[in-house]
Amino acid sequence: MLWQVVVSESKTAPVTFCSNNKKDFSDPLHDEKLHPDLVQELGNAKYCYHSLRGYQQHHLKKVEVVIGPVFDPAMNCFHCGADTEKALIPRPFTFGGWTYQKFCRSCGNFSDTGEPYDE
């Protein structure tokens, strides 16, 4: 079933296939090559085949992990992510009642803290 998906996808775009199942997918003489019978099934399709170890060695070292700025709902605006005022302002809640909210000078919106205001 999995191999049928690979063959089907290879008809529309190049595929990268990675598997630790060397018994079913790898060339018996070289575990980083696709089994010759499977290569025939792919025909002229472009493909890239790796064992899990091979994929890690050839591709993962090129991955750059990018982490954006940390979003802290207690300090950042829910709308634009900018820093909000430290003051809690009691305001009417959308669904009735009152809650504490913070004002953002950057976008002019209020961010609801979810803390109820009862007086």
PDB file of N, CA and C in Angstrom:
ATOM      1  N   MET A   1       0.820  -1.194   0.000  1.00  0.00           N
ATOM      2  CA  MET A   1       0.000   0.000   0.000  1.00  0.00           C
ATOM      3  C   MET A   1       0.867   1.263   0.000  1.00  0.00           C
ATOM      4  N   LEU A   2       1.851   1.328   0.884  1.00  0.00           N
ATOM      5  CA  LEU A   2       2.739   2.487   0.948  1.00  0.00           C
ATOM      6  C   LEU A   2       3.475   2.674  -0.377  1.00  0.00           C
ATOM      7  N   TRP A   3       3.981   1.585  -0.924  1.00  0.00           N
ATOM      8  CA  TRP A   3       4.729   1.681  -2.168  1.00  0.00           C
ATOM      9  C   TRP A   3       3.841   2.172  -3.311  1.00  0.00           C
ATOM     10  N   GLN A   4       2.562   1.789  -3.311  1.00  0.00           N
ATOM     11  CA  GLN A   4       1.638   2.241  -4.346  1.00  0.00           C
ATOM     12  C   GLN A   4       1.471   3.761  -4.295  1.00  0.00           C
ATOM     13  N   VAL A   5       1.484   4.319  -3.098  1.00  0.00           N
ATOM     14  CA  VAL A   5       1.391   5.777  -2.943  1.00  0.00           C
ATOM     15  C   VAL A   5       2.635   6.438  -3.527  1.00  0.00           C
ATOM     16  N   VAL A   6       3.804   5.870  -3.246  1.00  0.00           N
ATOM     17  CA  VAL A   6       5.054   6.416  -3.780  1.00  0.00           C
ATOM     18  C   VAL A   6       5.021   6.398  -5.310  1.00  0.00           C
ATOM     19  N   VAL A   7       4.631   5.287  -5.890  1.00  0.00           N
ATOM     20  CA  VAL A   7       4.570   5.173  -7.351  1.00  0.00           C
ATOM     21  C   VAL A   7       3.583   6.184  -7.917  1.00  0.00           C
ATOM     22  N   SER A   8       2.431   6.302  -7.289  1.00  0.00           N
ATOM     23  CA  SER A   8       1.409   7.241  -7.757  1.00  0.00           C
ATOM     24  C   SER A   8       1.921   8.686  -7.695  1.00  0.00           C
ATOM     25  N   GLU A   9       2.538   9.064  -6.579  1.00  0.00           N
ATOM     26  CA  GLU A   9       3.040  10.431  -6.429  1.00  0.00           C
ATOM     27  C   GLU A   9       4.187  10.717  -7.381  1.00  0.00           C
ATOM     28  N   SER A  10       4.985   9.706  -7.696  1.00  0.00           N
ATOM     29  CA  SER A  10       6.148   9.909  -8.572  1.00  0.00           C
ATOM     30  C   SER A  10       5.737  10.265 -10.000  1.00  0.00           C
ATOM     31  N   LYS A  11       4.475  10.038 -10.337  1.00  0.00           N
ATOM     32  CA  LYS A  11       4.002  10.358 -11.690  1.00  0.00           C
ATOM     33  C   LYS A  11       3.775  11.852 -11.871  1.00  0.00           C
ATOM     34  N   THR A  12       3.588  12.577 -10.756  1.00  0.00           N
ATOM     35  CA  THR A  12       3.309  14.006 -10.857  1.00  0.00           C
ATOM     36  C   THR A  12       4.458  14.892 -10.378  1.00  0.00           C
ATOM     37  N   ALA A  13       5.360  14.337  -9.547  1.00  0.00           N
ATOM     38  CA  ALA A  13       6.468  15.137  -9.005  1.00  0.00           C
ATOM     39  C   ALA A  13       7.574  14.211  -8.513  1.00  0.00           C
ATOM     40  N   PRO A  14       8.790  14.734  -8.403  1.00  0.00           N
ATOM     41  CA  PRO A  14       9.868  13.924  -7.827  1.00  0.00           C
ATOM     42  C   PRO A  14       9.509  13.528  -6.386  1.00  0.00           C
ATOM     43  N   VAL A  15       9.896  12.329  -5.980  1.00  0.00           N
ATOM     44  CA  VAL A  15       9.594  11.865  -4.633  1.00  0.00           C
ATOM     45  C   VAL A  15      10.869  11.573  -3.860  1.00  0.00           C
ATOM     46  N   THR A  16      10.801  11.807  -2.572  1.00  0.00           N
ATOM     47  CA  THR A  16      11.853  11.390  -1.651  1.00  0.00           C
ATOM     48  C   THR A  16      11.232  10.338  -0.762  1.00  0.00           C
ATOM     49  N   PHE A  17      11.846   9.170  -0.750  1.00  0.00           N
ATOM     50  CA  PHE A  17      11.314   8.042   0.009  1.00  0.00           C
ATOM     51  C   PHE A  17      12.356   7.630   1.037  1.00  0.00           C
ATOM     52  N   CYS A  18      11.948   7.607   2.280  1.00  0.00           N
ATOM     53  CA  CYS A  18      12.850   7.269   3.378  1.00  0.00           C
ATOM     54  C   CYS A  18      12.202   6.166   4.203  1.00  0.00           C
ATOM     55  N   SER A  19      12.945   5.081   4.424  1.00  0.00           N
ATOM     56  CA  SER A  19      12.380   3.969   5.187  1.00  0.00           C
ATOM     57  C   SER A  19      13.489   3.222   5.925  1.00  0.00           C
ATOM     58  N   ASN A  20      13.160   2.762   7.110  1.00  0.00           N
ATOM     59  CA  ASN A  20      14.080   1.904   7.851  1.00  0.00           C
ATOM     60  C   ASN A  20      13.819   0.434   7.543  1.00  0.00           C
ATOM     61  N   ASN A  21      12.829   0.170   6.698  1.00  0.00           N
ATOM     62  CA  ASN A  21      12.489  -1.188   6.305  1.00  0.00           C
ATOM     63  C   ASN A  21      13.385  -1.599   5.138  1.00  0.00           C
ATOM     64  N   LYS A  22      14.612  -1.963   5.479  1.00  0.00           N
ATOM     65  CA  LYS A  22      15.596  -2.311   4.443  1.00  0.00           C
ATOM     66  C   LYS A  22      15.258  -3.632   3.755  1.00  0.00           C
ATOM     67  N   LYS A  23      14.539  -4.498   4.455  1.00  0.00           N
ATOM     68  CA  LYS A  23      14.193  -5.813   3.909  1.00  0.00           C
ATOM     69  C   LYS A  23      13.301  -5.684   2.667  1.00  0.00           C
ATOM     70  N   ASP A  24      12.332  -4.781   2.719  1.00  0.00           N
ATOM     71  CA  ASP A  24      11.368  -4.653   1.631  1.00  0.00           C
ATOM     72  C   ASP A  24      11.744  -3.616   0.579  1.00  0.00           C
ATOM     73  N   PHE A  25      12.496  -2.572   0.949  1.00  0.00           N
ATOM     74  CA  PHE A  25      12.703  -1.459   0.027  1.00  0.00           C
ATOM     75  C   PHE A  25      14.139  -1.290  -0.464  1.00  0.00           C
ATOM     76  N   SER A  26      15.115  -1.750   0.268  1.00  0.00           N
ATOM     77  CA  SER A  26      16.514  -1.507  -0.096  1.00  0.00           C
ATOM     78  C   SER A  26      17.081  -2.583  -1.019  1.00  0.00           C
ATOM     79  N   ASP A  27      18.072  -2.168  -1.776  1.00  0.00           N
ATOM     80  CA  ASP A  27      18.849  -3.092  -2.591  1.00  0.00           C
ATOM     81  C   ASP A  27      19.568  -4.045  -1.628  1.00  0.00           C
ATOM     82  N   PRO A  28      19.495  -5.357  -1.856  1.00  0.00           N
ATOM     83  CA  PRO A  28      20.140  -6.309  -0.933  1.00  0.00           C
ATOM     84  C   PRO A  28      21.654  -6.099  -0.802  1.00  0.00           C
ATOM     85  N   LEU A  29      22.279  -5.486  -1.800  1.00  0.00           N
ATOM     86  CA  LEU A  29      23.721  -5.286  -1.765  1.00  0.00           C
ATOM     87  C   LEU A  29      24.131  -3.917  -1.222  1.00  0.00           C
ATOM     88  N   HIS A  30      23.177  -2.978  -1.157  1.00  0.00           N
ATOM     89  CA  HIS A  30      23.493  -1.624  -0.698  1.00  0.00           C
ATOM     90  C   HIS A  30      22.233  -0.994  -0.105  1.00  0.00           C
ATOM     91  N   ASP A  31      22.221  -0.816   1.221  1.00  0.00           N
ATOM     92  CA  ASP A  31      20.979  -0.368   1.862  1.00  0.00           C
ATOM     93  C   ASP A  31      20.618   1.096   1.597  1.00  0.00           C
ATOM     94  N   GLU A  32      21.488   1.843   0.934  1.00  0.00           N
ATOM     95  CA  GLU A  32      21.161   3.228   0.579  1.00  0.00           C
ATOM     96  C   GLU A  32      20.653   3.349  -0.853  1.00  0.00           C
ATOM     97  N   LYS A  33      20.443   2.227  -1.495  1.00  0.00           N
ATOM     98  CA  LYS A  33      19.882   2.224  -2.856  1.00  0.00           C
ATOM     99  C   LYS A  33      18.543   1.516  -2.828  1.00  0.00           C
ATOM    100  N   LEU A  34      17.649   1.974  -3.665  1.00  0.00           N
ATOM    101  CA  LEU A  34      16.329   1.366  -3.785  1.00  0.00           C
ATOM    102  C   LEU A  34      16.455  -0.001  -4.458  1.00  0.00           C
ATOM    103  N   HIS A  35      15.633  -0.925  -4.044  1.00  0.00           N
ATOM    104  CA  HIS A  35      15.645  -2.287  -4.606  1.00  0.00           C
ATOM    105  C   HIS A  35      15.442  -2.195  -6.123  1.00  0.00           C
ATOM    106  N   PRO A  36      16.213  -2.952  -6.904  1.00  0.00           N
ATOM    107  CA  PRO A  36      16.117  -2.879  -8.373  1.00  0.00           C
ATOM    108  C   PRO A  36      14.711  -3.121  -8.924  1.00  0.00           C
ATOM    109  N   ASP A  37      13.945  -4.012  -8.304  1.00  0.00           N
ATOM    110  CA  ASP A  37      12.573  -4.264  -8.782  1.00  0.00           C
ATOM    111  C   ASP A  37      11.709  -3.011  -8.609  1.00  0.00           C
ATOM    112  N   LEU A  38      11.940  -2.281  -7.521  1.00  0.00           N
ATOM    113  CA  LEU A  38      11.155  -1.070  -7.262  1.00  0.00           C
ATOM    114  C   LEU A  38      11.585   0.062  -8.187  1.00  0.00           C
ATOM    115  N   VAL A  39      12.862   0.103  -8.509  1.00  0.00           N
ATOM    116  CA  VAL A  39      13.360   1.098  -9.465  1.00  0.00           C
ATOM    117  C   VAL A  39      12.654   0.903 -10.808  1.00  0.00           C
ATOM    118  N   GLN A  40      12.480  -0.359 -11.204  1.00  0.00           N
ATOM    119  CA  GLN A  40      11.781  -0.649 -12.462  1.00  0.00           C
ATOM    120  C   GLN A  40      10.338  -0.157 -12.415  1.00  0.00           C
ATOM    121  N   GLU A  41       9.689  -0.335 -11.260  1.00  0.00           N
ATOM    122  CA  GLU A  41       8.292   0.115 -11.133  1.00  0.00           C
ATOM    123  C   GLU A  41       8.185   1.630 -11.274  1.00  0.00           C
ATOM    124  N   LEU A  42       9.208   2.353 -10.838  1.00  0.00           N
ATOM    125  CA  LEU A  42       9.179   3.816 -10.944  1.00  0.00           C
ATOM    126  C   LEU A  42       9.422   4.290 -12.367  1.00  0.00           C
ATOM    127  N   GLY A  43      10.045   3.458 -13.164  1.00  0.00           N
ATOM    128  CA  GLY A  43      10.307   3.842 -14.558  1.00  0.00           C
ATOM    129  C   GLY A  43      11.254   5.022 -14.635  1.00  0.00           C
ATOM    130  N   ASN A  44      10.835   6.069 -15.345  1.00  0.00           N
ATOM    131  CA  ASN A  44      11.671   7.254 -15.534  1.00  0.00           C
ATOM    132  C   ASN A  44      11.438   8.333 -14.473  1.00  0.00           C
ATOM    133  N   ALA A  45      10.653   8.031 -13.463  1.00  0.00           N
ATOM    134  CA  ALA A  45      10.331   9.028 -12.434  1.00  0.00           C
ATOM    135  C   ALA A  45      11.585   9.424 -11.659  1.00  0.00           C
ATOM    136  N   LYS A  46      11.611  10.678 -11.248  1.00  0.00           N
ATOM    137  CA  LYS A  46      12.721  11.157 -10.423  1.00  0.00           C
ATOM    138  C   LYS A  46      12.413  10.811  -8.969  1.00  0.00           C
ATOM    139  N   TYR A  47      13.407  10.250  -8.305  1.00  0.00           N
ATOM    140  CA  TYR A  47      13.212   9.858  -6.913  1.00  0.00           C
ATOM    141  C   TYR A  47      14.521   9.986  -6.148  1.00  0.00           C
ATOM    142  N   CYS A  48      14.393  10.013  -4.850  1.00  0.00           N
ATOM    143  CA  CYS A  48      15.527  10.014  -3.937  1.00  0.00           C
ATOM    144  C   CYS A  48      15.177   9.005  -2.845  1.00  0.00           C
ATOM    145  N   TYR A  49      16.043   8.042  -2.622  1.00  0.00           N
ATOM    146  CA  TYR A  49      15.773   6.999  -1.626  1.00  0.00           C
ATOM    147  C   TYR A  49      16.879   6.973  -0.573  1.00  0.00           C
ATOM    148  N   HIS A  50      16.476   6.860   0.683  1.00  0.00           N
ATOM    149  CA  HIS A  50      17.423   6.773   1.788  1.00  0.00           C
ATOM    150  C   HIS A  50      16.883   5.862   2.878  1.00  0.00           C
ATOM    151  N   SER A  51      17.800   5.242   3.607  1.00  0.00           N
ATOM    152  CA  SER A  51      17.425   4.645   4.888  1.00  0.00           C
ATOM    153  C   SER A  51      17.275   5.821   5.852  1.00  0.00           C
ATOM    154  N   LEU A  52      16.745   5.597   7.029  1.00  0.00           N
ATOM    155  CA  LEU A  52      16.588   6.678   7.995  1.00  0.00           C
ATOM    156  C   LEU A  52      17.953   7.285   8.341  1.00  0.00           C
ATOM    157  N   ARG A  53      18.950   6.445   8.536  1.00  0.00           N
ATOM    158  CA  ARG A  53      20.304   6.923   8.843  1.00  0.00           C
ATOM    159  C   ARG A  53      20.836   7.777   7.693  1.00  0.00           C
ATOM    160  N   GLY A  54      20.647   7.313   6.487  1.00  0.00           N
ATOM    161  CA  GLY A  54      21.108   8.051   5.314  1.00  0.00           C
ATOM    162  C   GLY A  54      20.405   9.388   5.161  1.00  0.00           C
ATOM    163  N   TYR A  55      19.114   9.412   5.436  1.00  0.00           N
ATOM    164  CA  TYR A  55      18.355  10.663   5.345  1.00  0.00           C
ATOM    165  C   TYR A  55      18.885  11.676   6.354  1.00  0.00           C
ATOM    166  N   GLN A  56      19.131  11.204   7.576  1.00  0.00           N
ATOM    167  CA  GLN A  56      19.664  12.096   8.605  1.00  0.00           C
ATOM    168  C   GLN A  56      21.026  12.644   8.194  1.00  0.00           C
ATOM    169  N   GLN A  57      21.877  11.809   7.633  1.00  0.00           N
ATOM    170  CA  GLN A  57      23.217  12.234   7.246  1.00  0.00           C
ATOM    171  C   GLN A  57      23.221  13.179   6.048  1.00  0.00           C
ATOM    172  N   HIS A  58      22.332  12.949   5.081  1.00  0.00           N
ATOM    173  CA  HIS A  58      22.364  13.726   3.849  1.00  0.00           C
ATOM    174  C   HIS A  58      21.434  14.936   3.817  1.00  0.00           C
ATOM    175  N   HIS A  59      20.391  14.917   4.630  1.00  0.00           N
ATOM    176  CA  HIS A  59      19.412  16.000   4.531  1.00  0.00           C
ATOM    177  C   HIS A  59      19.235  16.803   5.809  1.00  0.00           C
ATOM    178  N   LEU A  60      19.189  16.157   6.955  1.00  0.00           N
ATOM    179  CA  LEU A  60      18.872  16.886   8.179  1.00  0.00           C
ATOM    180  C   LEU A  60      19.956  17.866   8.595  1.00  0.00           C
ATOM    181  N   LYS A  61      21.179  17.622   8.207  1.00  0.00           N
ATOM    182  CA  LYS A  61      22.231  18.562   8.564  1.00  0.00           C
ATOM    183  C   LYS A  61      22.058  19.895   7.824  1.00  0.00           C
ATOM    184  N   LYS A  62      21.233  19.902   6.788  1.00  0.00           N
ATOM    185  CA  LYS A  62      21.006  21.121   6.016  1.00  0.00           C
ATOM    186  C   LYS A  62      19.797  21.905   6.525  1.00  0.00           C
ATOM    187  N   VAL A  63      19.091  21.355   7.494  1.00  0.00           N
ATOM    188  CA  VAL A  63      17.888  22.005   8.008  1.00  0.00           C
ATOM    189  C   VAL A  63      18.277  23.087   9.007  1.00  0.00           C
ATOM    190  N   GLU A  64      17.696  24.247   8.848  1.00  0.00           N
ATOM    191  CA  GLU A  64      17.930  25.332   9.790  1.00  0.00           C
ATOM    192  C   GLU A  64      16.644  25.545  10.575  1.00  0.00           C
ATOM    193  N   VAL A  65      16.741  25.422  11.878  1.00  0.00           N
ATOM    194  CA  VAL A  65      15.567  25.619  12.726  1.00  0.00           C
ATOM    195  C   VAL A  65      15.489  27.094  13.075  1.00  0.00           C
ATOM    196  N   VAL A  66      14.354  27.681  12.774  1.00  0.00           N
ATOM    197  CA  VAL A  66      14.163  29.102  13.027  1.00  0.00           C
ATOM    198  C   VAL A  66      13.073  29.256  14.075  1.00  0.00           C
ATOM    199  N   ILE A  67      13.392  29.960  15.122  1.00  0.00           N
ATOM    200  CA  ILE A  67      12.417  30.192  16.186  1.00  0.00           C
ATOM    201  C   ILE A  67      12.105  31.676  16.207  1.00  0.00           C
ATOM    202  N   GLY A  68      10.834  31.975  16.112  1.00  0.00           N
ATOM    203  CA  GLY A  68      10.413  33.369  16.133  1.00  0.00           C
ATOM    204  C   GLY A  68      10.423  33.926  17.544  1.00  0.00           C
ATOM    205  N   PRO A  69      10.033  35.178  17.674  1.00  0.00           N
ATOM    206  CA  PRO A  69      10.002  35.768  19.006  1.00  0.00           C
ATOM    207  C   PRO A  69       8.994  35.036  19.891  1.00  0.00           C
ATOM    208  N   VAL A  70       9.298  34.983  21.157  1.00  0.00           N
ATOM    209  CA  VAL A  70       8.427  34.292  22.109  1.00  0.00           C
ATOM    210  C   VAL A  70       7.186  35.143  22.341  1.00  0.00           C
ATOM    211  N   PHE A  71       6.030  34.529  22.217  1.00  0.00           N
ATOM    212  CA  PHE A  71       4.758  35.206  22.441  1.00  0.00           C
ATOM    213  C   PHE A  71       4.256  34.843  23.825  1.00  0.00           C
ATOM    214  N   ASP A  72       4.152  35.838  24.679  1.00  0.00           N
ATOM    215  CA  ASP A  72       3.658  35.637  26.042  1.00  0.00           C
ATOM    216  C   ASP A  72       2.309  36.336  26.149  1.00  0.00           C
ATOM    217  N   PRO A  73       1.209  35.551  26.253  1.00  0.00           N
ATOM    218  CA  PRO A  73      -0.105  36.189  26.278  1.00  0.00           C
ATOM    219  C   PRO A  73      -0.299  37.147  27.455  1.00  0.00           C
ATOM    220  N   ALA A  74       0.514  37.007  28.495  1.00  0.00           N
ATOM    221  CA  ALA A  74       0.402  37.921  29.632  1.00  0.00           C
ATOM    222  C   ALA A  74       1.024  39.279  29.310  1.00  0.00           C
ATOM    223  N   MET A  75       1.922  39.325  28.319  1.00  0.00           N
ATOM    224  CA  MET A  75       2.630  40.565  28.019  1.00  0.00           C
ATOM    225  C   MET A  75       2.425  41.070  26.588  1.00  0.00           C
ATOM    226  N   ASN A  76       1.968  40.183  25.677  1.00  0.00           N
ATOM    227  CA  ASN A  76       1.854  40.565  24.266  1.00  0.00           C
ATOM    228  C   ASN A  76       0.399  40.670  23.823  1.00  0.00           C
ATOM    229  N   CYS A  77       0.188  41.542  22.851  1.00  0.00           N
ATOM    230  CA  CYS A  77      -1.132  41.752  22.267  1.00  0.00           C
ATOM    231  C   CYS A  77      -1.561  40.505  21.490  1.00  0.00           C
ATOM    232  N   PHE A  78      -2.801  40.088  21.677  1.00  0.00           N
ATOM    233  CA  PHE A  78      -3.322  38.929  20.949  1.00  0.00           C
ATOM    234  C   PHE A  78      -3.477  39.236  19.464  1.00  0.00           C
ATOM    235  N   HIS A  79      -3.582  40.509  19.109  1.00  0.00           N
ATOM    236  CA  HIS A  79      -3.853  40.905  17.731  1.00  0.00           C
ATOM    237  C   HIS A  79      -2.577  41.077  16.900  1.00  0.00           C
ATOM    238  N   CYS A  80      -1.565  41.784  17.461  1.00  0.00           N
ATOM    239  CA  CYS A  80      -0.369  42.085  16.668  1.00  0.00           C
ATOM    240  C   CYS A  80       0.918  41.542  17.275  1.00  0.00           C
ATOM    241  N   GLY A  81       0.865  41.062  18.515  1.00  0.00           N
ATOM    242  CA  GLY A  81       2.050  40.487  19.154  1.00  0.00           C
ATOM    243  C   GLY A  81       2.939  41.489  19.854  1.00  0.00           C
ATOM    244  N   ALA A  82       2.643  42.789  19.723  1.00  0.00           N
ATOM    245  CA  ALA A  82       3.460  43.823  20.368  1.00  0.00           C
ATOM    246  C   ALA A  82       3.256  43.786  21.887  1.00  0.00           C
ATOM    247  N   ASP A  83       4.168  44.429  22.591  1.00  0.00           N
ATOM    248  CA  ASP A  83       4.034  44.519  24.047  1.00  0.00           C
ATOM    249  C   ASP A  83       2.799  45.344  24.391  1.00  0.00           C
ATOM    250  N   THR A  84       2.088  44.911  25.420  1.00  0.00           N
ATOM    251  CA  THR A  84       0.907  45.640  25.868  1.00  0.00           C
ATOM    252  C   THR A  84       1.243  46.421  27.137  1.00  0.00           C
ATOM    253  N   GLU A  85       0.356  47.329  27.482  1.00  0.00           N
ATOM    254  CA  GLU A  85       0.505  48.085  28.720  1.00  0.00           C
ATOM    255  C   GLU A  85       0.409  47.124  29.900  1.00  0.00           C
ATOM    256  N   LYS A  86       1.115  47.434  30.979  1.00  0.00           N
ATOM    257  CA  LYS A  86       1.100  46.566  32.156  1.00  0.00           C
ATOM    258  C   LYS A  86      -0.215  46.671  32.919  1.00  0.00           C
ATOM    259  N   ALA A  87      -0.901  47.788  32.784  1.00  0.00           N
ATOM    260  CA  ALA A  87      -2.134  48.016  33.541  1.00  0.00           C
ATOM    261  C   ALA A  87      -3.260  47.116  33.047  1.00  0.00           C
ATOM    262  N   LEU A  88      -4.014  46.567  33.990  1.00  0.00           N
ATOM    263  CA  LEU A  88      -5.212  45.795  33.657  1.00  0.00           C
ATOM    264  C   LEU A  88      -6.401  46.731  33.703  1.00  0.00           C
ATOM    265  N   ILE A  89      -7.184  46.725  32.654  1.00  0.00           N
ATOM    266  CA  ILE A  89      -8.315  47.645  32.534  1.00  0.00           C
ATOM    267  C   ILE A  89      -9.602  46.840  32.539  1.00  0.00           C
ATOM    268  N   PRO A  90     -10.511  47.108  33.495  1.00  0.00           N
ATOM    269  CA  PRO A  90     -11.802  46.404  33.454  1.00  0.00           C
ATOM    270  C   PRO A  90     -12.638  46.925  32.284  1.00  0.00           C
ATOM    271  N   ARG A  91     -13.118  45.980  31.456  1.00  0.00           N
ATOM    272  CA  ARG A  91     -13.926  46.335  30.291  1.00  0.00           C
ATOM    273  C   ARG A  91     -15.019  45.303  30.105  1.00  0.00           C
ATOM    274  N   PRO A  92     -16.086  45.660  29.400  1.00  0.00           N
ATOM    275  CA  PRO A  92     -17.150  44.686  29.145  1.00  0.00           C
ATOM    276  C   PRO A  92     -16.628  43.522  28.297  1.00  0.00           C
ATOM    277  N   PHE A  93     -17.019  42.322  28.693  1.00  0.00           N
ATOM    278  CA  PHE A  93     -16.633  41.114  27.980  1.00  0.00           C
ATOM    279  C   PHE A  93     -17.610  40.882  26.837  1.00  0.00           C
ATOM    280  N   THR A  94     -17.146  40.333  25.737  1.00  0.00           N
ATOM    281  CA  THR A  94     -17.956  40.097  24.547  1.00  0.00           C
ATOM    282  C   THR A  94     -19.224  39.308  24.851  1.00  0.00           C
ATOM    283  N   PHE A  95     -19.119  38.325  25.757  1.00  0.00           N
ATOM    284  CA  PHE A  95     -20.255  37.450  26.038  1.00  0.00           C
ATOM    285  C   PHE A  95     -20.962  37.809  27.339  1.00  0.00           C
ATOM    286  N   GLY A  96     -20.838  39.040  27.781  1.00  0.00           N
ATOM    287  CA  GLY A  96     -21.497  39.496  28.994  1.00  0.00           C
ATOM    288  C   GLY A  96     -20.542  39.541  30.175  1.00  0.00           C
ATOM    289  N   GLY A  97     -20.839  40.383  31.131  1.00  0.00           N
ATOM    290  CA  GLY A  97     -19.975  40.541  32.285  1.00  0.00           C
ATOM    291  C   GLY A  97     -18.782  41.425  31.952  1.00  0.00           C
ATOM    292  N   TRP A  98     -17.861  41.464  32.894  1.00  0.00           N
ATOM    293  CA  TRP A  98     -16.667  42.286  32.723  1.00  0.00           C
ATOM    294  C   TRP A  98     -15.419  41.436  32.947  1.00  0.00           C
ATOM    295  N   THR A  99     -14.341  41.758  32.210  1.00  0.00           N
ATOM    296  CA  THR A  99     -13.051  41.084  32.401  1.00  0.00           C
ATOM    297  C   THR A  99     -11.944  42.134  32.393  1.00  0.00           C
ATOM    298  N   TYR A 100     -10.779  41.711  32.889  1.00  0.00           N
ATOM    299  CA  TYR A 100      -9.601  42.577  32.793  1.00  0.00           C
ATOM    300  C   TYR A 100      -9.005  42.444  31.398  1.00  0.00           C
ATOM    301  N   GLN A 101      -8.650  43.584  30.810  1.00  0.00           N
ATOM    302  CA  GLN A 101      -8.067  43.586  29.483  1.00  0.00           C
ATOM    303  C   GLN A 101      -6.838  44.487  29.474  1.00  0.00           C
ATOM    304  N   LYS A 102      -5.961  44.274  28.489  1.00  0.00           N
ATOM    305  CA  LYS A 102      -4.761  45.094  28.337  1.00  0.00           C
ATOM    306  C   LYS A 102      -4.849  45.845  27.029  1.00  0.00           C
ATOM    307  N   PHE A 103      -4.344  47.074  27.036  1.00  0.00           N
ATOM    308  CA  PHE A 103      -4.380  47.911  25.842  1.00  0.00           C
ATOM    309  C   PHE A 103      -3.042  47.856  25.119  1.00  0.00           C
ATOM    310  N   CYS A 104      -3.101  47.782  23.793  1.00  0.00           N
ATOM    311  CA  CYS A 104      -1.902  47.770  22.960  1.00  0.00           C
ATOM    312  C   CYS A 104      -1.783  49.121  22.258  1.00  0.00           C
ATOM    313  N   ARG A 105      -0.711  49.831  22.522  1.00  0.00           N
ATOM    314  CA  ARG A 105      -0.501  51.134  21.870  1.00  0.00           C
ATOM    315  C   ARG A 105      -0.093  50.964  20.399  1.00  0.00           C
ATOM    316  N   SER A 106       0.404  49.805  20.062  1.00  0.00           N
ATOM    317  CA  SER A 106       0.856  49.568  18.689  1.00  0.00           C
ATOM    318  C   SER A 106      -0.320  49.477  17.711  1.00  0.00           C
ATOM    319  N   CYS A 107      -1.337  48.663  18.031  1.00  0.00           N
ATOM    320  CA  CYS A 107      -2.458  48.483  17.097  1.00  0.00           C
ATOM    321  C   CYS A 107      -3.764  49.097  17.602  1.00  0.00           C
ATOM    322  N   GLY A 108      -3.771  49.534  18.867  1.00  0.00           N
ATOM    323  CA  GLY A 108      -4.967  50.186  19.407  1.00  0.00           C
ATOM    324  C   GLY A 108      -6.063  49.241  19.849  1.00  0.00           C
ATOM    325  N   ASN A 109      -5.782  47.954  19.919  1.00  0.00           N
ATOM    326  CA  ASN A 109      -6.780  46.973  20.344  1.00  0.00           C
ATOM    327  C   ASN A 109      -6.586  46.593  21.807  1.00  0.00           C
ATOM    328  N   PHE A 110      -7.653  46.041  22.372  1.00  0.00           N
ATOM    329  CA  PHE A 110      -7.599  45.491  23.712  1.00  0.00           C
ATOM    330  C   PHE A 110      -7.458  43.976  23.619  1.00  0.00           C
ATOM    331  N   SER A 111      -6.687  43.399  24.520  1.00  0.00           N
ATOM    332  CA  SER A 111      -6.536  41.943  24.607  1.00  0.00           C
ATOM    333  C   SER A 111      -7.143  41.492  25.920  1.00  0.00           C
ATOM    334  N   ASP A 112      -8.104  40.604  25.837  1.00  0.00           N
ATOM    335  CA  ASP A 112      -8.794  40.097  27.019  1.00  0.00           C
ATOM    336  C   ASP A 112      -7.909  39.080  27.733  1.00  0.00           C
ATOM    337  N   THR A 113      -7.708  39.273  29.027  1.00  0.00           N
ATOM    338  CA  THR A 113      -6.875  38.342  29.805  1.00  0.00           C
ATOM    339  C   THR A 113      -7.658  37.123  30.255  1.00  0.00           C
ATOM    340  N   GLY A 114      -8.978  37.185  30.185  1.00  0.00           N
ATOM    341  CA  GLY A 114      -9.820  36.083  30.642  1.00  0.00           C
ATOM    342  C   GLY A 114     -10.097  36.126  32.134  1.00  0.00           C
ATOM    343  N   GLU A 115      -9.458  37.046  32.836  1.00  0.00           N
ATOM    344  CA  GLU A 115      -9.687  37.171  34.274  1.00  0.00           C
ATOM    345  C   GLU A 115     -10.947  38.005  34.491  1.00  0.00           C
ATOM    346  N   PRO A 116     -11.914  37.434  35.212  1.00  0.00           N
ATOM    347  CA  PRO A 116     -13.157  38.190  35.429  1.00  0.00           C
ATOM    348  C   PRO A 116     -12.947  39.382  36.359  1.00  0.00           C
ATOM    349  N   TYR A 117     -13.679  40.436  36.093  1.00  0.00           N
ATOM    350  CA  TYR A 117     -13.679  41.615  36.955  1.00  0.00           C
ATOM    351  C   TYR A 117     -15.016  41.622  37.686  1.00  0.00           C
ATOM    352  N   ASP A 118     -14.962  41.409  38.976  1.00  0.00           N
ATOM    353  CA  ASP A 118     -16.189  41.424  39.785  1.00  0.00           C
ATOM    354  C   ASP A 118     -16.063  42.520  40.836  1.00  0.00           C
ATOM    355  N   GLU A 119     -17.032  43.412  40.861  1.00  0.00           N
ATOM    356  CA  GLU A 119     -17.028  44.444  41.881  1.00  0.00           C
ATOM    357  C   GLU A 119     -18.394  44.615  42.459  1.00  0.00           C
TER     358      GLU A 119
END
